[in-house]
């Protein structure tokens, strides 16, 4: 059995300034570190890594529309991040199996 711990950190950077000094776009950066450890097997080496993704969204005049756009960007970033972690672990498990042959 394995235990996977993931720690996420989010930041938002407003970009694309208009002449009026208002931001019209933002980048949501989601970074994660993950640690895979074997449960009850002290002699089994685990795996750790980090991943990061940037998801952009528009800033609208409507605060509600901006919140929805930010939420959608966050959902997209989480999905991409989870796929990246899954891919990294699949490669690690595959290499681990090949090393034991």
Protein backbone atom coordinates (compact mmCIF):
# COMPACT_ATOMS: atom_id res chain seq x y z
CA UNK A 1 0.00 0.00 0.00
CA UNK A 2 1.07 3.54 -0.72
CA UNK A 3 0.24 6.95 0.68
CA UNK A 4 0.32 10.05 -1.53
CA UNK A 5 0.58 13.50 0.05
CA UNK A 6 0.16 16.56 -2.15
CA UNK A 7 0.72 20.17 -1.08
CA UNK A 8 -0.63 22.93 -3.32
CA UNK A 9 0.26 26.60 -3.54
CA UNK A 10 -1.67 29.11 -5.64
CA UNK A 11 -0.79 32.61 -6.81
CA UNK A 12 -2.56 35.07 -9.10
CA UNK A 13 -0.78 37.67 -11.17
CA UNK A 14 -2.82 40.33 -12.95
CA UNK A 15 -1.51 41.19 -16.41
CA UNK A 16 -2.51 42.94 -19.65
CA UNK A 17 -3.03 46.44 -18.35
CA UNK A 18 -5.23 48.81 -20.32
CA UNK A 19 -4.35 52.47 -20.74
CA UNK A 20 -6.56 53.16 -17.71
CA UNK A 21 -4.27 50.98 -15.54
CA UNK A 22 -6.90 48.26 -15.07
CA UNK A 23 -5.96 44.62 -15.51
CA UNK A 24 -7.88 42.73 -18.16
CA UNK A 25 -6.30 39.31 -17.73
CA UNK A 26 -4.74 37.23 -14.97
CA UNK A 27 -2.50 34.20 -14.65
CA UNK A 28 -3.35 31.68 -11.96
CA UNK A 29 -0.26 29.64 -11.08
CA UNK A 30 -0.80 26.39 -9.23
CA UNK A 31 2.25 24.55 -7.92
CA UNK A 32 2.29 21.26 -6.13
CA UNK A 33 4.76 19.02 -4.40
CA UNK A 34 3.99 15.36 -3.90
CA UNK A 35 5.43 12.61 -1.73
CA UNK A 36 4.65 8.94 -2.24
CA UNK A 37 5.56 6.68 0.66
CA UNK A 38 5.08 2.99 1.25
CA UNK A 39 2.84 2.19 4.21
CA UNK A 40 4.40 -0.26 6.64
CA UNK A 41 7.46 -0.97 4.50
CA UNK A 42 10.44 0.98 5.80
CA UNK A 43 12.82 -0.65 3.30
CA UNK A 44 10.81 0.51 0.24
CA UNK A 45 11.99 3.80 -1.22
CA UNK A 46 9.23 6.25 -2.09
CA UNK A 47 9.13 9.03 -4.65
CA UNK A 48 8.75 12.81 -4.51
CA UNK A 49 8.44 15.53 -7.08
CA UNK A 50 6.96 18.88 -7.98
CA UNK A 51 4.69 20.14 -10.72
CA UNK A 52 3.44 23.55 -11.81
CA UNK A 53 0.85 24.91 -14.23
CA UNK A 54 -0.31 28.36 -15.33
CA UNK A 55 -3.95 28.92 -16.30
CA UNK A 56 -5.04 32.32 -17.63
CA UNK A 57 -8.44 33.96 -17.41
CA UNK A 58 -10.10 37.26 -18.31
CA UNK A 59 -10.96 39.94 -15.78
CA UNK A 60 -14.40 41.35 -16.54
CA UNK A 61 -16.27 44.45 -15.43
CA UNK A 62 -18.66 42.11 -13.65
CA UNK A 63 -17.18 40.76 -10.40
CA UNK A 64 -19.36 37.65 -10.68
CA UNK A 65 -18.13 36.90 -14.21
CA UNK A 66 -14.52 37.32 -13.06
CA UNK A 67 -15.07 34.95 -10.12
CA UNK A 68 -16.54 32.32 -12.45
CA UNK A 69 -13.61 32.74 -14.88
CA UNK A 70 -11.14 32.39 -11.99
CA UNK A 71 -12.93 29.29 -10.70
CA UNK A 72 -12.86 27.72 -14.17
CA UNK A 73 -9.14 28.50 -14.52
CA UNK A 74 -8.49 26.92 -11.12
CA UNK A 75 -10.47 23.78 -12.05
CA UNK A 76 -8.52 23.48 -15.29
CA UNK A 77 -5.20 23.94 -13.45
CA UNK A 78 -6.10 21.26 -10.86
CA UNK A 79 -7.01 18.79 -13.61
CA UNK A 80 -3.74 19.40 -15.49
CA UNK A 81 -1.72 19.22 -12.26
CA UNK A 82 -3.33 15.93 -11.25
CA UNK A 83 -2.60 14.45 -14.68
CA UNK A 84 1.03 15.58 -14.41
CA UNK A 85 1.37 13.92 -11.00
CA UNK A 86 -0.28 10.75 -12.29
CA UNK A 87 2.10 10.69 -15.27
CA UNK A 88 5.17 11.23 -13.06
CA UNK A 89 4.12 8.39 -10.76
CA UNK A 90 3.36 6.07 -13.68
CA UNK A 91 6.84 6.68 -15.09
CA UNK A 92 8.39 6.10 -11.65
CA UNK A 93 6.47 2.85 -11.11
CA UNK A 94 7.35 1.66 -14.62
CA UNK A 95 11.06 2.40 -14.09
CA UNK A 96 10.92 0.73 -10.68
CA UNK A 97 9.48 -2.45 -12.20
CA UNK A 98 12.05 -2.44 -15.00
CA UNK A 99 14.89 -2.02 -12.49
CA UNK A 100 13.79 -5.12 -10.60
CA UNK A 101 13.84 -7.34 -13.71
